[in-house]
Amino acid sequence: MAVLSAGDSGSGLFLTKYRIDGGPWIAYNRPIAIGGSGTRTFEAYSIDNIGNIEQTRLYAYVVDVLRPVADAGRDLAVFAPVDITLDGLGSTDDTLIVEYEWILESDGSVVLTTAKGTVGIQSPGVYIFSLKVRDPLGRESTDSITINVLRDPDSDKDTLPDVWEMEKFGNLTYGPGDDPDGDGITNIKEYGREGDGGDVQSGLDALPQSEGDRTGEVLMLLLMVVLGVLAGVAMLQFLKIRELRRRLDDREAEASIEFEEDYGGESR
C-alpha cells in the first residue's frame, strides 16, 4: 500500500493526483494498492485552492513479490580431463538476480561467482556443484548439477586402450604403428590379437580375421548361390527343350505311320 501526504500553507490543498506506469491520472483519496512485480514508476502532483500546480514528482521503485528460482542445468557424464561449463543463466526472478555463487559440495569451496563460467576437472569421479542465487531483497534459491567424470579409455586418442598400454609398456608413449619389442608386429596388431594384454603366439595365422576378409567370404558365398541358381535355371530350360523335342519326334513318327496307312496301299 502507498500513502500520499501533501499540504499547502497558503490557500490550502485542493487536490492530489497520481498515476502508475504512465497510466491515467487518478485523484488521490485513499491508500493505493500496488500489485504486480518488477520495476514500476509512480508520478504525483498537487493543486492548491487558487490553482497553483505543483511540478510533477516521478518515483521509480521495484516490487519484488516472488523468490528467485535457481537453475544449474542438466546432469552430465564426460571423460576426464575436461573443462566443464557451469551455466546458471536459466535461473529466474520476477525482478532480477543480483548474485550467483557456484559451490563444489565435496569441500564447500566457491568455484565461480558469475552466472556462467568454466571449471577444469582432471580426475575421474562424481562432482556435485550447487548454484545459489539471490534477489535484491536477499532471498535465496539453490539448485545443483551432478557431473560424472569417467576415465577416458583412450586418453591419448591413438586407438590403443590406456589400460593395455600401461600394462604393456608402463606409459602411453608408443603409438599404434610402433614396434617397441622388435618382434616385427605393430602395437595395433598385437592388441588386436591379445585384447586382454596377454602374450600370444606371433604370426599372421594368429591375427583375427579382418573386416575385409569377412566381406570377401560373404561375397564369394553370394556368388556361389547366384551361380547355383543360374545353373538350376539352365538345367530346367534344357529339360524343357529336350521334352519338347521328344514330343515333336513322337508326332512326326505318328504322322508317318498315318501316311503309310492312308496311301501305302494305293502305291502298291
C-alpha atoms as a PDB file:
ATOM      1  CA  MET A   1       0.000   0.000   0.000  1.00  0.00           C
ATOM      2  CA  ALA A   2       1.171   3.544  -0.788  1.00  0.00           C
ATOM      3  CA  VAL A   3       0.079   6.538   1.307  1.00  0.00           C
ATOM      4  CA  LEU A   4       0.494  10.100  -0.052  1.00  0.00           C
ATOM      5  CA  SER A   5       0.839  13.156   2.144  1.00  0.00           C
ATOM      6  CA  ALA A   6       0.551  16.737   0.819  1.00  0.00           C
ATOM      7  CA  GLY A   7      -0.220  20.217   2.228  1.00  0.00           C
ATOM      8  CA  ASP A   8      -0.218  23.935   1.393  1.00  0.00           C
ATOM      9  CA  SER A   9       0.470  26.685   3.983  1.00  0.00           C
ATOM     10  CA  GLY A  10      -1.171  29.424   1.901  1.00  0.00           C
ATOM     11  CA  SER A  11      -4.511  28.835   0.288  1.00  0.00           C
ATOM     12  CA  GLY A  12      -4.604  25.203   1.317  1.00  0.00           C
ATOM     13  CA  LEU A  13      -4.548  21.924  -0.610  1.00  0.00           C
ATOM     14  CA  PHE A  14      -7.251  21.399  -3.207  1.00  0.00           C
ATOM     15  CA  LEU A  15      -6.343  18.114  -4.957  1.00  0.00           C
ATOM     16  CA  THR A  16      -3.587  15.498  -5.410  1.00  0.00           C
ATOM     17  CA  LYS A  17      -3.381  13.247  -8.492  1.00  0.00           C
ATOM     18  CA  TYR A  18      -1.204  10.278  -9.247  1.00  0.00           C
ATOM     19  CA  ARG A  19      -0.609   7.650 -11.942  1.00  0.00           C
ATOM     20  CA  ILE A  20       1.294   4.354 -12.112  1.00  0.00           C
ATOM     21  CA  ASP A  21       3.484   3.209 -15.018  1.00  0.00           C
ATOM     22  CA  GLY A  22       2.304   6.041 -17.276  1.00  0.00           C
ATOM     23  CA  GLY A  23      -1.391   5.173 -16.874  1.00  0.00           C
ATOM     24  CA  PRO A  24      -4.323   7.591 -16.451  1.00  0.00           C
ATOM     25  CA  TRP A  25      -4.235  10.273 -13.767  1.00  0.00           C
ATOM     26  CA  ILE A  26      -6.317   9.420 -10.685  1.00  0.00           C
ATOM     27  CA  ALA A  27      -7.452  11.703  -7.863  1.00  0.00           C
ATOM     28  CA  TYR A  28      -5.941  10.512  -4.586  1.00  0.00           C
ATOM     29  CA  ASN A  29      -8.427   9.898  -1.788  1.00  0.00           C
ATOM     30  CA  ARG A  30      -7.279   6.686  -0.101  1.00  0.00           C
ATOM     31  CA  PRO A  31      -4.138   4.479   0.277  1.00  0.00           C
ATOM     32  CA  ILE A  32      -3.048   2.980  -3.037  1.00  0.00           C
ATOM     33  CA  ALA A  33      -2.774  -0.791  -3.578  1.00  0.00           C
ATOM     34  CA  ILE A  34       0.087  -1.553  -5.920  1.00  0.00           C
ATOM     35  CA  GLY A  35       0.080  -5.034  -7.474  1.00  0.00           C
ATOM     36  CA  GLY A  36       2.287  -6.828  -9.940  1.00  0.00           C
ATOM     37  CA  SER A  37       6.033  -7.113  -9.729  1.00  0.00           C
ATOM     38  CA  GLY A  38       9.131  -5.722 -11.350  1.00  0.00           C
ATOM     39  CA  THR A  39      10.350  -2.149 -11.853  1.00  0.00           C
ATOM     40  CA  ARG A  40       7.441   0.346 -11.645  1.00  0.00           C
ATOM     41  CA  THR A  41       7.043   4.132 -11.960  1.00  0.00           C
ATOM     42  CA  PHE A  42       4.852   6.372  -9.796  1.00  0.00           C
ATOM     43  CA  GLU A  43       4.033  10.028 -10.567  1.00  0.00           C
ATOM     44  CA  ALA A  44       2.098  12.548  -8.460  1.00  0.00           C
ATOM     45  CA  TYR A  45       1.369  16.286  -8.194  1.00  0.00           C
ATOM     46  CA  SER A  46      -0.893  18.569  -6.099  1.00  0.00           C
ATOM     47  CA  ILE A  47      -3.002  21.707  -6.760  1.00  0.00           C
ATOM     48  CA  ASP A  48      -3.813  24.385  -4.191  1.00  0.00           C
ATOM     49  CA  ASN A  49      -7.065  26.308  -3.815  1.00  0.00           C
ATOM     50  CA  ILE A  50      -6.015  29.181  -6.086  1.00  0.00           C
ATOM     51  CA  GLY A  51      -4.940  26.950  -8.962  1.00  0.00           C
ATOM     52  CA  ASN A  52      -1.194  26.671  -8.435  1.00  0.00           C
ATOM     53  CA  ILE A  53       0.030  23.312  -9.799  1.00  0.00           C
ATOM     54  CA  GLU A  54       2.948  21.547  -8.246  1.00  0.00           C
ATOM     55  CA  GLN A  55       5.699  20.207 -10.505  1.00  0.00           C
ATOM     56  CA  THR A  56       5.123  16.502 -11.132  1.00  0.00           C
ATOM     57  CA  ARG A  57       7.235  14.211  -8.997  1.00  0.00           C
ATOM     58  CA  LEU A  58       8.463  10.907 -10.514  1.00  0.00           C
ATOM     59  CA  TYR A  59       9.478   7.894  -8.436  1.00  0.00           C
ATOM     60  CA  ALA A  60      10.889   4.578  -9.671  1.00  0.00           C
ATOM     61  CA  TYR A  61      10.611   1.557  -7.423  1.00  0.00           C
ATOM     62  CA  VAL A  62      10.850  -2.229  -7.528  1.00  0.00           C
ATOM     63  CA  VAL A  63       8.079  -4.559  -6.488  1.00  0.00           C
ATOM     64  CA  ASP A  64       9.643  -7.914  -5.632  1.00  0.00           C
ATOM     65  CA  VAL A  65       6.969 -10.486  -4.867  1.00  0.00           C
ATOM     66  CA  LEU A  66       8.476 -13.858  -5.767  1.00  0.00           C
ATOM     67  CA  ARG A  67      11.582 -15.651  -4.626  1.00  0.00           C
ATOM     68  CA  PRO A  68      14.261 -16.378  -7.251  1.00  0.00           C
ATOM     69  CA  VAL A  69      14.443 -19.830  -8.839  1.00  0.00           C
ATOM     70  CA  ALA A  70      17.920 -21.300  -9.386  1.00  0.00           C
ATOM     71  CA  ASP A  71      18.616 -23.498 -12.426  1.00  0.00           C
ATOM     72  CA  ALA A  72      22.016 -25.227 -12.520  1.00  0.00           C
ATOM     73  CA  GLY A  73      21.330 -27.147 -15.749  1.00  0.00           C
ATOM     74  CA  ARG A  74      21.223 -30.840 -16.616  1.00  0.00           C
ATOM     75  CA  ASP A  75      23.461 -33.533 -15.130  1.00  0.00           C
ATOM     76  CA  LEU A  76      26.381 -34.618 -17.311  1.00  0.00           C
ATOM     77  CA  ALA A  77      28.637 -37.634 -17.960  1.00  0.00           C
ATOM     78  CA  VAL A  78      32.015 -36.802 -19.542  1.00  0.00           C
ATOM     79  CA  PHE A  79      35.558 -38.138 -19.874  1.00  0.00           C
ATOM     80  CA  ALA A  80      38.499 -36.748 -17.903  1.00  0.00           C
ATOM     81  CA  PRO A  81      40.295 -34.444 -18.273  1.00  0.00           C
ATOM     82  CA  VAL A  82      37.612 -31.942 -19.235  1.00  0.00           C
ATOM     83  CA  ASP A  83      36.626 -28.287 -18.974  1.00  0.00           C
ATOM     84  CA  ILE A  84      33.029 -28.049 -17.765  1.00  0.00           C
ATOM     85  CA  THR A  85      30.867 -25.007 -18.444  1.00  0.00           C
ATOM     86  CA  LEU A  86      28.600 -24.253 -15.483  1.00  0.00           C
ATOM     87  CA  ASP A  87      25.605 -22.312 -16.765  1.00  0.00           C
ATOM     88  CA  GLY A  88      23.058 -20.735 -14.430  1.00  0.00           C
ATOM     89  CA  LEU A  89      21.539 -18.351 -16.971  1.00  0.00           C
ATOM     90  CA  GLY A  90      18.307 -20.334 -16.806  1.00  0.00           C
ATOM     91  CA  SER A  91      17.707 -19.040 -13.267  1.00  0.00           C
ATOM     92  CA  THR A  92      14.800 -16.607 -12.932  1.00  0.00           C
ATOM     93  CA  ASP A  93      13.363 -13.922 -10.655  1.00  0.00           C
ATOM     94  CA  ASP A  94      10.431 -11.523 -11.006  1.00  0.00           C
ATOM     95  CA  THR A  95      12.852  -8.586 -10.746  1.00  0.00           C
ATOM     96  CA  LEU A  96      16.476  -9.527 -11.131  1.00  0.00           C
ATOM     97  CA  ILE A  97      19.171 -11.782  -9.691  1.00  0.00           C
ATOM     98  CA  VAL A  98      21.952  -9.801  -8.094  1.00  0.00           C
ATOM     99  CA  GLU A  99      24.271 -12.618  -7.021  1.00  0.00           C
ATOM    100  CA  TYR A 100      25.376 -16.038  -8.327  1.00  0.00           C
ATOM    101  CA  GLU A 101      27.559 -18.470  -6.389  1.00  0.00           C
ATOM    102  CA  TRP A 102      28.766 -21.899  -7.577  1.00  0.00           C
ATOM    103  CA  ILE A 103      29.965 -24.201  -4.795  1.00  0.00           C
ATOM    104  CA  LEU A 104      31.741 -27.561  -5.065  1.00  0.00           C
ATOM    105  CA  GLU A 105      29.867 -29.652  -2.496  1.00  0.00           C
ATOM    106  CA  SER A 106      32.738 -32.030  -1.715  1.00  0.00           C
ATOM    107  CA  ASP A 107      34.768 -29.317   0.010  1.00  0.00           C
ATOM    108  CA  GLY A 108      32.447 -26.299   0.126  1.00  0.00           C
ATOM    109  CA  SER A 109      34.733 -24.160  -1.991  1.00  0.00           C
ATOM    110  CA  VAL A 110      33.305 -21.390  -4.183  1.00  0.00           C
ATOM    111  CA  VAL A 111      34.445 -22.011  -7.762  1.00  0.00           C
ATOM    112  CA  LEU A 112      32.513 -19.248  -9.581  1.00  0.00           C
ATOM    113  CA  THR A 113      30.683 -16.033  -8.695  1.00  0.00           C
ATOM    114  CA  THR A 114      29.182 -15.438 -12.140  1.00  0.00           C
ATOM    115  CA  ALA A 115      26.109 -16.892 -13.824  1.00  0.00           C
ATOM    116  CA  LYS A 116      28.226 -18.804 -16.335  1.00  0.00           C
ATOM    117  CA  GLY A 117      31.839 -19.959 -16.345  1.00  0.00           C
ATOM    118  CA  THR A 118      34.268 -22.816 -16.939  1.00  0.00           C
ATOM    119  CA  VAL A 119      35.791 -25.212 -14.411  1.00  0.00           C
ATOM    120  CA  GLY A 120      38.616 -27.636 -15.240  1.00  0.00           C
ATOM    121  CA  ILE A 121      38.402 -31.240 -13.949  1.00  0.00           C
ATOM    122  CA  GLN A 122      41.414 -33.523 -14.246  1.00  0.00           C
ATOM    123  CA  SER A 123      40.479 -36.687 -12.353  1.00  0.00           C
ATOM    124  CA  PRO A 124      37.585 -39.139 -12.712  1.00  0.00           C
ATOM    125  CA  GLY A 125      34.885 -39.025 -10.052  1.00  0.00           C
ATOM    126  CA  VAL A 126      31.429 -37.690  -9.248  1.00  0.00           C
ATOM    127  CA  TYR A 127      31.354 -33.914  -8.828  1.00  0.00           C
ATOM    128  CA  ILE A 128      28.313 -32.033  -7.490  1.00  0.00           C
ATOM    129  CA  PHE A 129      28.149 -28.269  -7.939  1.00  0.00           C
ATOM    130  CA  SER A 130      25.494 -26.216  -6.126  1.00  0.00           C
ATOM    131  CA  LEU A 131      24.241 -22.935  -7.549  1.00  0.00           C
ATOM    132  CA  LYS A 132      22.963 -20.324  -5.094  1.00  0.00           C
ATOM    133  CA  VAL A 133      21.193 -17.192  -6.400  1.00  0.00           C
ATOM    134  CA  ARG A 134      19.941 -14.100  -4.521  1.00  0.00           C
ATOM    135  CA  ASP A 135      17.477 -11.336  -5.396  1.00  0.00           C
ATOM    136  CA  PRO A 136      17.637  -7.648  -4.278  1.00  0.00           C
ATOM    137  CA  LEU A 137      15.829  -8.483  -1.025  1.00  0.00           C
ATOM    138  CA  GLY A 138      18.400 -11.146  -0.131  1.00  0.00           C
ATOM    139  CA  ARG A 139      16.089 -14.084  -0.743  1.00  0.00           C
ATOM    140  CA  GLU A 140      17.930 -17.187  -1.949  1.00  0.00           C
ATOM    141  CA  SER A 141      17.335 -20.292  -4.043  1.00  0.00           C
ATOM    142  CA  THR A 142      19.634 -23.237  -4.759  1.00  0.00           C
ATOM    143  CA  ASP A 143      19.928 -25.952  -7.389  1.00  0.00           C
ATOM    144  CA  SER A 144      22.653 -28.482  -8.139  1.00  0.00           C
ATOM    145  CA  ILE A 145      24.202 -30.313 -11.060  1.00  0.00           C
ATOM    146  CA  THR A 146      25.928 -33.707 -10.862  1.00  0.00           C
ATOM    147  CA  ILE A 147      28.819 -34.338 -13.236  1.00  0.00           C
ATOM    148  CA  ASN A 148      30.023 -37.916 -13.572  1.00  0.00           C
ATOM    149  CA  VAL A 149      33.585 -37.678 -14.851  1.00  0.00           C
ATOM    150  CA  LEU A 150      34.724 -41.005 -16.335  1.00  0.00           C
ATOM    151  CA  ARG A 151      38.182 -42.250 -17.131  1.00  0.00           C
ATOM    152  CA  ASP A 152      38.784 -41.945 -20.864  1.00  0.00           C
ATOM    153  CA  PRO A 153      39.615 -45.463 -22.169  1.00  0.00           C
ATOM    154  CA  ASP A 154      41.916 -43.880 -24.763  1.00  0.00           C
ATOM    155  CA  SER A 155      43.053 -40.545 -23.405  1.00  0.00           C
ATOM    156  CA  ASP A 156      45.864 -40.128 -25.983  1.00  0.00           C
ATOM    157  CA  LYS A 157      43.488 -40.986 -28.849  1.00  0.00           C
ATOM    158  CA  ASP A 158      45.832 -43.497 -30.514  1.00  0.00           C
ATOM    159  CA  THR A 159      43.215 -46.320 -30.818  1.00  0.00           C
ATOM    160  CA  LEU A 160      45.073 -48.307 -28.144  1.00  0.00           C
ATOM    161  CA  PRO A 161      43.332 -48.556 -24.735  1.00  0.00           C
ATOM    162  CA  ASP A 162      45.273 -46.854 -21.961  1.00  0.00           C
ATOM    163  CA  VAL A 163      44.978 -49.937 -19.717  1.00  0.00           C
ATOM    164  CA  TRP A 164      46.632 -52.142 -22.344  1.00  0.00           C
ATOM    165  CA  GLU A 165      49.400 -49.605 -22.950  1.00  0.00           C
ATOM    166  CA  MET A 166      50.145 -49.221 -19.239  1.00  0.00           C
ATOM    167  CA  GLU A 167      50.232 -52.978 -18.688  1.00  0.00           C
ATOM    168  CA  LYS A 168      52.403 -53.491 -21.763  1.00  0.00           C
ATOM    169  CA  PHE A 169      54.809 -50.529 -21.592  1.00  0.00           C
ATOM    170  CA  GLY A 170      54.135 -48.671 -18.340  1.00  0.00           C
ATOM    171  CA  ASN A 171      53.394 -45.444 -20.242  1.00  0.00           C
ATOM    172  CA  LEU A 172      51.375 -44.004 -23.117  1.00  0.00           C
ATOM    173  CA  THR A 173      54.371 -43.078 -25.265  1.00  0.00           C
ATOM    174  CA  TYR A 174      54.060 -45.553 -28.131  1.00  0.00           C
ATOM    175  CA  GLY A 175      51.575 -45.359 -30.989  1.00  0.00           C
ATOM    176  CA  PRO A 176      49.631 -47.999 -32.916  1.00  0.00           C
ATOM    177  CA  GLY A 177      52.279 -48.320 -35.622  1.00  0.00           C
ATOM    178  CA  ASP A 178      55.252 -48.707 -33.249  1.00  0.00           C
ATOM    179  CA  ASP A 179      57.023 -51.987 -32.500  1.00  0.00           C
ATOM    180  CA  PRO A 180      58.872 -51.413 -29.207  1.00  0.00           C
ATOM    181  CA  ASP A 181      59.525 -55.119 -28.563  1.00  0.00           C
ATOM    182  CA  GLY A 182      61.046 -55.586 -32.036  1.00  0.00           C
ATOM    183  CA  ASP A 183      59.060 -58.712 -32.929  1.00  0.00           C
ATOM    184  CA  GLY A 184      58.010 -57.347 -36.309  1.00  0.00           C
ATOM    185  CA  ILE A 185      54.380 -56.891 -35.258  1.00  0.00           C
ATOM    186  CA  THR A 186      52.999 -53.415 -34.634  1.00  0.00           C
ATOM    187  CA  ASN A 187      51.189 -52.496 -31.442  1.00  0.00           C
ATOM    188  CA  ILE A 188      47.779 -52.290 -33.094  1.00  0.00           C
ATOM    189  CA  LYS A 189      48.166 -55.846 -34.471  1.00  0.00           C
ATOM    190  CA  GLU A 190      49.359 -57.154 -31.130  1.00  0.00           C
ATOM    191  CA  TYR A 191      46.424 -55.539 -29.349  1.00  0.00           C
ATOM    192  CA  GLY A 192      44.048 -56.908 -31.970  1.00  0.00           C
ATOM    193  CA  ARG A 193      45.283 -60.446 -31.233  1.00  0.00           C
ATOM    194  CA  GLU A 194      45.708 -60.102 -27.493  1.00  0.00           C
ATOM    195  CA  GLY A 195      42.825 -57.883 -26.475  1.00  0.00           C
ATOM    196  CA  ASP A 196      43.402 -58.518 -22.774  1.00  0.00           C
ATOM    197  CA  GLY A 197      47.143 -57.749 -22.887  1.00  0.00           C
ATOM    198  CA  GLY A 198      48.315 -61.388 -22.533  1.00  0.00           C
ATOM    199  CA  ASP A 199      51.084 -62.967 -24.593  1.00  0.00           C
ATOM    200  CA  VAL A 200      50.104 -64.971 -27.671  1.00  0.00           C
ATOM    201  CA  GLN A 201      51.968 -66.762 -30.426  1.00  0.00           C
ATOM    202  CA  SER A 202      53.164 -64.354 -33.099  1.00  0.00           C
ATOM    203  CA  GLY A 203      52.421 -64.956 -36.764  1.00  0.00           C
ATOM    204  CA  LEU A 204      49.798 -63.990 -39.260  1.00  0.00           C
ATOM    205  CA  ASP A 205      47.743 -67.114 -38.571  1.00  0.00           C
ATOM    206  CA  ALA A 206      47.092 -65.767 -35.077  1.00  0.00           C
ATOM    207  CA  LEU A 207      45.691 -62.488 -36.344  1.00  0.00           C
ATOM    208  CA  PRO A 208      41.936 -62.047 -36.117  1.00  0.00           C
ATOM    209  CA  GLN A 209      40.027 -62.125 -39.353  1.00  0.00           C
ATOM    210  CA  SER A 210      39.773 -58.638 -40.788  1.00  0.00           C
ATOM    211  CA  GLU A 211      36.583 -56.992 -41.889  1.00  0.00           C
ATOM    212  CA  GLY A 212      37.797 -57.175 -45.487  1.00  0.00           C
ATOM    213  CA  ASP A 213      38.273 -60.955 -45.239  1.00  0.00           C
ATOM    214  CA  ARG A 214      34.791 -61.439 -43.862  1.00  0.00           C
ATOM    215  CA  THR A 215      33.325 -59.250 -46.596  1.00  0.00           C
ATOM    216  CA  GLY A 216      35.161 -61.295 -49.243  1.00  0.00           C
ATOM    217  CA  GLU A 217      33.774 -64.517 -47.861  1.00  0.00           C
ATOM    218  CA  VAL A 218      30.241 -63.171 -47.886  1.00  0.00           C
ATOM    219  CA  LEU A 219      30.597 -62.014 -51.493  1.00  0.00           C
ATOM    220  CA  MET A 220      32.007 -65.389 -52.530  1.00  0.00           C
ATOM    221  CA  LEU A 221      29.101 -67.170 -50.852  1.00  0.00           C
ATOM    222  CA  LEU A 222      26.613 -64.921 -52.615  1.00  0.00           C
ATOM    223  CA  LEU A 223      28.343 -65.547 -55.947  1.00  0.00           C
ATOM    224  CA  MET A 224      28.138 -69.293 -55.423  1.00  0.00           C
ATOM    225  CA  VAL A 225      24.441 -69.014 -54.597  1.00  0.00           C
ATOM    226  CA  VAL A 226      23.793 -66.956 -57.748  1.00  0.00           C
ATOM    227  CA  LEU A 227      25.746 -69.378 -59.926  1.00  0.00           C
ATOM    228  CA  GLY A 228      23.821 -72.272 -58.397  1.00  0.00           C
ATOM    229  CA  VAL A 229      20.517 -70.591 -59.188  1.00  0.00           C
ATOM    230  CA  LEU A 230      21.599 -69.842 -62.744  1.00  0.00           C
ATOM    231  CA  ALA A 231      22.743 -73.425 -63.226  1.00  0.00           C
ATOM    232  CA  GLY A 232      19.390 -74.683 -61.950  1.00  0.00           C
ATOM    233  CA  VAL A 233      17.506 -72.396 -64.329  1.00  0.00           C
ATOM    234  CA  ALA A 234      19.669 -73.539 -67.245  1.00  0.00           C
ATOM    235  CA  MET A 235      19.048 -77.209 -66.388  1.00  0.00           C
ATOM    236  CA  LEU A 236      15.281 -76.630 -66.276  1.00  0.00           C
ATOM    237  CA  GLN A 237      15.398 -74.977 -69.709  1.00  0.00           C
ATOM    238  CA  PHE A 238      17.454 -77.860 -71.094  1.00  0.00           C
ATOM    239  CA  LEU A 239      14.963 -80.420 -69.785  1.00  0.00           C
ATOM    240  CA  LYS A 240      12.050 -78.433 -71.211  1.00  0.00           C
ATOM    241  CA  ILE A 241      13.702 -78.251 -74.641  1.00  0.00           C
ATOM    242  CA  ARG A 242      14.521 -81.971 -74.581  1.00  0.00           C
ATOM    243  CA  GLU A 243      10.913 -82.817 -73.661  1.00  0.00           C
ATOM    244  CA  LEU A 244       9.629 -80.577 -76.438  1.00  0.00           C
ATOM    245  CA  ARG A 245      11.881 -82.259 -78.991  1.00  0.00           C
ATOM    246  CA  ARG A 246      10.761 -85.680 -77.804  1.00  0.00           C
ATOM    247  CA  ARG A 247       7.133 -84.701 -78.285  1.00  0.00           C
ATOM    248  CA  LEU A 248       7.868 -83.369 -81.780  1.00  0.00           C
ATOM    249  CA  ASP A 249       9.662 -86.585 -82.718  1.00  0.00           C
ATOM    250  CA  ASP A 250       6.686 -88.610 -81.463  1.00  0.00           C
ATOM    251  CA  ARG A 251       4.278 -86.523 -83.508  1.00  0.00           C
ATOM    252  CA  GLU A 252       6.417 -86.905 -86.656  1.00  0.00           C
ATOM    253  CA  ALA A 253       6.507 -90.667 -86.148  1.00  0.00           C
ATOM    254  CA  GLU A 254       2.731 -90.816 -85.678  1.00  0.00           C
ATOM    255  CA  ALA A 255       2.204 -88.687 -88.796  1.00  0.00           C
ATOM    256  CA  SER A 256       4.447 -91.012 -90.840  1.00  0.00           C
ATOM    257  CA  ILE A 257       2.537 -94.090 -89.721  1.00  0.00           C
ATOM    258  CA  GLU A 258      -0.795 -92.489 -90.595  1.00  0.00           C
ATOM    259  CA  PHE A 259       0.509 -91.542 -94.031  1.00  0.00           C
ATOM    260  CA  GLU A 260       1.651 -95.083 -94.713  1.00  0.00           C
ATOM    261  CA  GLU A 261      -1.715 -96.418 -93.657  1.00  0.00           C
ATOM    262  CA  ASP A 262      -3.638 -93.947 -95.837  1.00  0.00           C
ATOM    263  CA  TYR A 263      -1.554 -94.011 -99.028  1.00  0.00           C
ATOM    264  CA  GLY A 264       0.660 -97.061 -98.755  1.00  0.00           C
ATOM    265  CA  GLY A 265      -1.969 -99.432-100.247  1.00  0.00           C
ATOM    266  CA  GLU A 266      -2.591 -97.260-103.300  1.00  0.00           C
ATOM    267  CA  SER A 267       1.044 -97.177-104.280  1.00  0.00           C
ATOM    268  CA  ARG A 268       1.068-100.942-104.281  1.00  0.00           C
END
